Structure formats: structure tokens, C-alpha cells
Amino acid sequence: MMAIILPGMFTLATYLSKDINRIILFVACTGVLALAIYLASRFSMVKVKIELDESGFKHEWTKKFLFSRESDIHLSWDQILDYFFEEDRSFDKFQITLPNKQLYRFHRQNLWPMKDDFDKFQRDFPRQIRKIESASEQNIIRGKTIYEEKGFKWVLIVMSIFVGLLFLNAMFNESTTTNWGIIGMLAAAVGFYWIRVRMKREKTEHNRQYTPLKNGVYCSRWQYLKENKKCQKK
């Protein structure tokens, strides 16, 4: 997208008069930005169809990247070691770990609403995993997202201390040249990721899976509360 915005802005700065009406300038800049977003979404996004069944995980391309010749992907369940879903500001990520440290992953943009079945896939994939585990000795675990890694939390702690020191320096050191705007942006970024860490921990606890006393059907804590099923910890 930046490859479109920067040349577009350079072109406007080169060919538009310096005393041009501000409204016209605003419309021109908005047009460049809108064109950049449209072209980026048009040529950097693909569509895939995913099927889950007893044989495995099937990935079928319905719209490929420009000039791409990638073939469809079929993974059997015994190839999958772990998986996770990860949410971020711009993209949701799904990742599978395969033997020999190979990875299968895709990102789904969440900047604007998408008419897809990603939420359904996010709900159904763990259910299919549990069906496979109950029918065989296959053990596929849920991997850790970046927000659950200890290293990421330590980075946040160090950044929090650093922002705190900058704040104290700006408050009590009259000769400091520290900009309050920079402190605010750093604090907002650190706060955002602390919220993400907390949300992920709460969501993990909320979605901890249970199994009922009878019939061998799995249910989540949410289902237990809503449907009044008799569940116990797995």
C-alpha cells in the first residue's frame, strides 16, 4: 500500500500548485489513499475454501495471488502437531505446526467487515480436533500465541519500566527534551499489548474445554452455562 501512497503523494506535490484550494487538496489526497487501499486489498488478498473431515485438513484456492501457481494443500491429521488462532490489530492469524518445524499459516484482515466463515472455522476446528482425538491416539495440542509467550511478557515489562522512567524524567527534570507526544504513543502501545495479553488469558480460561459425564460429547464452559450440561474438566 505504501508503494502506491508515496508515489501518489509525490505526484500531487509535484504537479499541484502550492496555492491550491485546501478542499481540492484534501479530496486529491483522499482519492490517493482510497485507491491505495482498494488496489492493496484487490491484489494482496486471496480466497480459500477449507474443509475439515476425518481424513484431514483441506485447503483449496478459489482466488490466488497474482501470478501465483500454488497448488491446493491437503494435510492429514497425523501431520499436525499443534495449532493456534491469534488476534491482532489488523489481522487474525491461524497457524499449524507440521513435522520438521514446517508451518502452515494464513492471515485474515480485520480492518473492515468480511463476509466469510472465519469465525465458524475458528469454532469448528477445535471441535474437529477433539473428534479425532476421541477416535484415535492422535494428540494435537493448542500452541501458544505470541501474547502467551513468556519472552513477550518480559519485553512488555521492560518497555513499561522504560516508559515509566521517561514519564518521571519529563515530570521532574526541567531540562529534559523528552516529548510528551512520544511518551503518550509509547504508553498507548504498551497498554494496548498488555490488554491483549489479559484478553488472551481470559479467553483461554473461558474456552477451556470440558467433557460431560455421559455420552462422551465435549462441551465448553459457555455451553455448560447456557445449555446446563453436566460437564467436568478434561
Protein backbone atom coordinates (compact mmCIF):
# COMPACT_ATOMS: atom_id res chain seq x y z
CA MET A 1 0.00 0.00 0.00
CA MET A 2 2.88 2.37 0.78
CA ALA A 3 4.22 1.70 -2.73
CA ILE A 4 1.07 3.42 -4.01
CA ILE A 5 0.68 6.16 -1.39
CA LEU A 6 4.24 7.53 -1.58
CA PRO A 7 4.39 7.92 -5.40
CA GLY A 8 0.84 9.31 -5.35
CA MET A 9 1.67 11.95 -2.76
CA PHE A 10 4.91 12.80 -4.58
CA THR A 11 2.94 13.28 -7.81
CA LEU A 12 0.44 15.57 -6.06
CA ALA A 13 3.25 17.62 -4.51
CA THR A 14 4.97 17.92 -7.89
CA TYR A 15 2.07 18.87 -10.14
CA LEU A 16 -0.37 20.67 -7.88
CA SER A 17 0.06 24.36 -7.28
CA LYS A 18 1.14 25.46 -3.79
CA ASP A 19 -1.78 27.88 -3.53
CA ILE A 20 -4.37 25.25 -4.47
CA ASN A 21 -7.66 25.21 -2.59
CA ARG A 22 -7.42 23.11 0.57
CA ILE A 23 -10.66 21.29 -0.20
CA ILE A 24 -9.32 20.19 -3.59
CA LEU A 25 -6.07 19.11 -1.94
CA PHE A 26 -7.98 17.11 0.68
CA VAL A 27 -10.09 15.40 -1.99
CA ALA A 28 -6.98 14.55 -4.03
CA CYS A 29 -5.15 13.07 -1.01
CA THR A 30 -8.26 11.11 0.00
CA GLY A 31 -8.53 9.75 -3.53
CA VAL A 32 -4.91 8.55 -3.48
CA LEU A 33 -5.46 6.87 -0.11
CA ALA A 34 -8.70 5.22 -1.25
CA LEU A 35 -7.02 3.98 -4.45
CA ALA A 36 -4.12 2.57 -2.42
CA ILE A 37 -6.45 0.69 -0.07
CA TYR A 38 -8.53 -0.67 -2.96
CA LEU A 39 -5.54 -1.86 -5.01
CA ALA A 40 -3.82 -3.33 -1.95
CA SER A 41 -6.93 -5.27 -0.98
CA ARG A 42 -7.53 -6.29 -4.59
CA PHE A 43 -4.08 -7.72 -5.32
CA SER A 44 -2.75 -8.75 -1.89
CA MET A 45 -5.74 -10.79 -0.72
CA VAL A 46 -6.81 -14.28 -1.70
CA LYS A 47 -9.80 -16.52 -1.07
CA VAL A 48 -9.54 -20.07 0.19
CA LYS A 49 -12.02 -22.83 0.87
CA ILE A 50 -11.20 -25.02 3.87
CA GLU A 51 -12.76 -28.41 4.53
CA LEU A 52 -12.40 -30.48 7.69
CA ASP A 53 -13.23 -34.17 7.69
CA GLU A 54 -11.99 -37.48 9.07
CA SER A 55 -9.15 -37.65 6.55
CA GLY A 56 -7.65 -34.29 7.39
CA PHE A 57 -7.44 -30.58 6.59
CA LYS A 58 -8.06 -29.45 3.00
CA HIS A 59 -7.08 -26.02 1.69
CA GLU A 60 -8.45 -25.15 -1.77
CA TRP A 61 -7.59 -21.92 -3.56
CA THR A 62 -10.63 -20.13 -5.00
CA LYS A 63 -8.69 -16.93 -5.72
CA LYS A 64 -4.89 -16.90 -5.84
CA PHE A 65 -2.28 -14.17 -5.62
CA LEU A 66 -1.42 -12.52 -8.91
CA PHE A 67 0.91 -14.77 -10.97
CA SER A 68 0.72 -17.48 -8.28
CA ARG A 69 0.86 -21.15 -9.25
CA GLU A 70 0.49 -22.66 -5.79
CA SER A 71 -1.39 -25.92 -5.61
CA ASP A 72 -4.08 -26.89 -3.12
CA ILE A 73 -2.98 -28.23 0.26
CA HIS A 74 -4.13 -31.40 1.98
CA LEU A 75 -2.83 -32.26 5.46
CA SER A 76 -3.70 -35.47 7.27
CA TRP A 77 -4.39 -35.19 10.99
CA ASP A 78 -1.30 -37.17 11.92
CA GLN A 79 0.83 -34.47 10.26
CA ILE A 80 -0.47 -31.76 12.60
CA LEU A 81 1.43 -31.27 15.86
CA ASP A 82 -0.25 -28.15 17.22
CA TYR A 83 -2.28 -25.11 16.16
CA PHE A 84 -3.38 -21.71 17.39
CA PHE A 85 -5.53 -18.72 16.49
CA GLU A 86 -4.06 -15.28 17.20
CA GLU A 87 -5.84 -11.91 17.07
CA ASP A 88 -4.07 -8.62 16.38
CA ARG A 89 -4.91 -5.05 15.38
CA SER A 90 -5.02 -5.61 11.63
CA PHE A 91 -5.02 -9.36 11.07
CA ASP A 92 -6.20 -12.59 12.66
CA LYS A 93 -3.73 -15.44 12.24
CA PHE A 94 -4.19 -19.20 12.09
CA GLN A 95 -1.13 -21.41 12.27
CA ILE A 96 -0.41 -25.15 12.21
CA THR A 97 2.91 -26.72 13.16
CA LEU A 98 3.96 -29.67 10.98
CA PRO A 99 6.82 -32.18 11.29
CA ASN A 100 10.38 -30.91 10.66
CA LYS A 101 9.35 -27.46 12.02
CA GLN A 102 7.34 -26.65 8.91
CA LEU A 103 4.46 -24.21 9.32
CA TYR A 104 1.14 -23.69 7.60
CA ARG A 105 -0.41 -20.30 8.28
CA PHE A 106 -2.73 -17.68 6.86
CA HIS A 107 -3.80 -14.20 7.90
CA ARG A 108 -7.29 -12.76 7.70
CA GLN A 109 -7.63 -8.98 7.72
CA ASN A 110 -9.99 -7.48 10.30
CA LEU A 111 -9.73 -3.79 9.45
CA TRP A 112 -13.19 -3.85 7.88
CA PRO A 113 -16.03 -6.41 7.91
CA MET A 114 -15.53 -9.53 5.81
CA LYS A 115 -18.28 -11.85 4.59
CA ASP A 116 -16.58 -15.14 5.32
CA ASP A 117 -16.78 -18.15 7.63
CA PHE A 118 -13.62 -17.47 9.62
CA ASP A 119 -15.48 -17.27 12.94
CA LYS A 120 -17.20 -20.57 12.17
CA PHE A 121 -13.86 -22.11 11.21
CA GLN A 122 -12.32 -20.83 14.45
CA ARG A 123 -15.13 -22.51 16.37
CA ASP A 124 -15.26 -25.77 14.39
CA PHE A 125 -11.54 -26.53 14.07
CA PRO A 126 -11.00 -27.34 17.80
CA ARG A 127 -14.18 -29.44 17.76
CA GLN A 128 -12.87 -31.48 14.84
CA ILE A 129 -9.58 -31.91 16.69
CA ARG A 130 -11.41 -33.34 19.70
CA LYS A 131 -13.36 -35.73 17.48
CA ILE A 132 -10.10 -37.03 16.02
CA GLU A 133 -8.53 -37.37 19.47
CA SER A 134 -11.53 -39.29 20.82
CA ALA A 135 -11.43 -41.73 17.89
CA SER A 136 -7.66 -42.34 17.95
CA GLU A 137 -4.49 -41.82 19.95
CA GLN A 138 -3.66 -38.69 18.00
CA ASN A 139 -2.84 -35.80 20.32
CA ILE A 140 -2.96 -32.34 18.71
CA ILE A 141 -2.36 -29.56 21.22
CA ARG A 142 -3.21 -25.87 21.12
CA GLY A 143 0.00 -23.92 20.69
CA LYS A 144 0.87 -20.64 22.37
CA THR A 145 0.26 -17.30 20.71
CA ILE A 146 2.81 -14.52 20.99
CA TYR A 147 0.73 -12.98 23.78
CA GLU A 148 1.15 -16.16 25.86
CA GLU A 149 4.91 -16.44 25.44
CA LYS A 150 7.00 -15.51 28.49
CA GLY A 151 9.51 -13.69 26.31
CA PHE A 152 6.82 -11.33 25.00
CA LYS A 153 5.66 -10.55 28.55
CA TRP A 154 9.21 -9.77 29.62
CA VAL A 155 9.56 -7.38 26.69
CA LEU A 156 6.35 -5.66 27.82
CA ILE A 157 7.67 -5.40 31.38
CA VAL A 158 10.92 -3.80 30.17
CA MET A 159 9.02 -1.40 27.91
CA SER A 160 6.66 -0.49 30.77
CA ILE A 161 9.63 0.35 33.00
CA PHE A 162 11.21 2.37 30.20
CA VAL A 163 8.02 4.38 29.61
CA GLY A 164 7.69 4.93 33.36
CA LEU A 165 11.24 6.28 33.55
CA LEU A 166 10.58 8.60 30.61
CA PHE A 167 7.45 9.87 32.36
CA LEU A 168 9.27 10.52 35.65
CA ASN A 169 12.11 12.23 33.81
CA ALA A 170 9.66 14.50 31.98
CA MET A 171 7.84 15.29 35.24
CA PHE A 172 10.77 16.12 37.49
CA ASN A 173 13.64 17.07 35.17
CA GLU A 174 13.08 20.64 33.96
CA SER A 175 15.92 20.48 31.46
CA THR A 176 14.64 17.36 29.70
CA THR A 177 13.90 17.44 25.99
CA THR A 178 11.61 14.40 26.11
CA ASN A 179 8.49 14.94 24.02
CA TRP A 180 5.17 14.26 25.76
CA GLY A 181 3.68 13.09 22.47
CA ILE A 182 6.30 10.34 22.17
CA ILE A 183 5.66 9.25 25.76
CA GLY A 184 1.93 9.13 25.05
CA MET A 185 2.36 7.00 21.92
CA LEU A 186 4.71 4.58 23.69
CA ALA A 187 2.36 4.31 26.66
CA ALA A 188 -0.61 3.68 24.37
CA ALA A 189 1.27 0.93 22.50
CA VAL A 190 2.41 -0.78 25.71
CA GLY A 191 -1.08 -0.50 27.20
CA PHE A 192 -2.63 -1.98 24.04
CA TYR A 193 -0.47 -5.09 24.21
CA TRP A 194 -1.00 -5.53 27.97
CA ILE A 195 -4.73 -5.53 27.24
CA ARG A 196 -4.15 -8.13 24.52
CA VAL A 197 -2.24 -10.35 26.94
CA ARG A 198 -5.01 -10.09 29.52
CA MET A 199 -7.77 -10.70 26.95
CA LYS A 200 -5.98 -13.79 25.63
CA ARG A 201 -5.55 -15.20 29.13
CA GLU A 202 -9.22 -14.63 29.97
CA LYS A 203 -10.35 -16.09 26.63
CA THR A 204 -8.16 -19.16 27.14
CA GLU A 205 -9.67 -19.75 30.56
CA HIS A 206 -13.19 -19.14 29.26
CA ASN A 207 -12.76 -21.60 26.41
CA ARG A 208 -11.13 -24.31 28.49
CA GLN A 209 -12.77 -27.49 27.28
CA TYR A 210 -14.91 -29.79 29.38
CA THR A 211 -16.36 -33.24 28.75
CA PRO A 212 -19.73 -34.40 30.13
CA LEU A 213 -20.28 -37.29 32.48
CA LYS A 214 -22.38 -39.13 29.88
CA ASN A 215 -22.42 -39.73 26.11
CA GLY A 216 -18.79 -38.63 25.63
CA VAL A 217 -19.79 -35.31 23.99
CA TYR A 218 -17.45 -32.37 24.52
CA CYS A 219 -18.75 -29.02 25.65
CA SER A 220 -17.21 -25.70 26.63
CA ARG A 221 -17.80 -23.70 29.78
CA TRP A 222 -20.04 -21.34 27.78
CA GLN A 223 -22.16 -24.27 26.60
CA TYR A 224 -22.24 -25.63 30.12
CA LEU A 225 -23.68 -22.36 31.43
CA LYS A 226 -26.09 -21.90 28.53
CA GLU A 227 -27.31 -25.44 27.98
CA ASN A 228 -26.93 -26.66 31.59
CA LYS A 229 -24.92 -29.70 30.54
CA LYS A 230 -23.21 -31.75 33.21
CA CYS A 231 -19.56 -31.33 32.40
CA GLN A 232 -16.33 -31.95 34.19
CA LYS A 233 -12.77 -30.88 33.49
CA LYS A 234 -10.94 -32.78 30.83
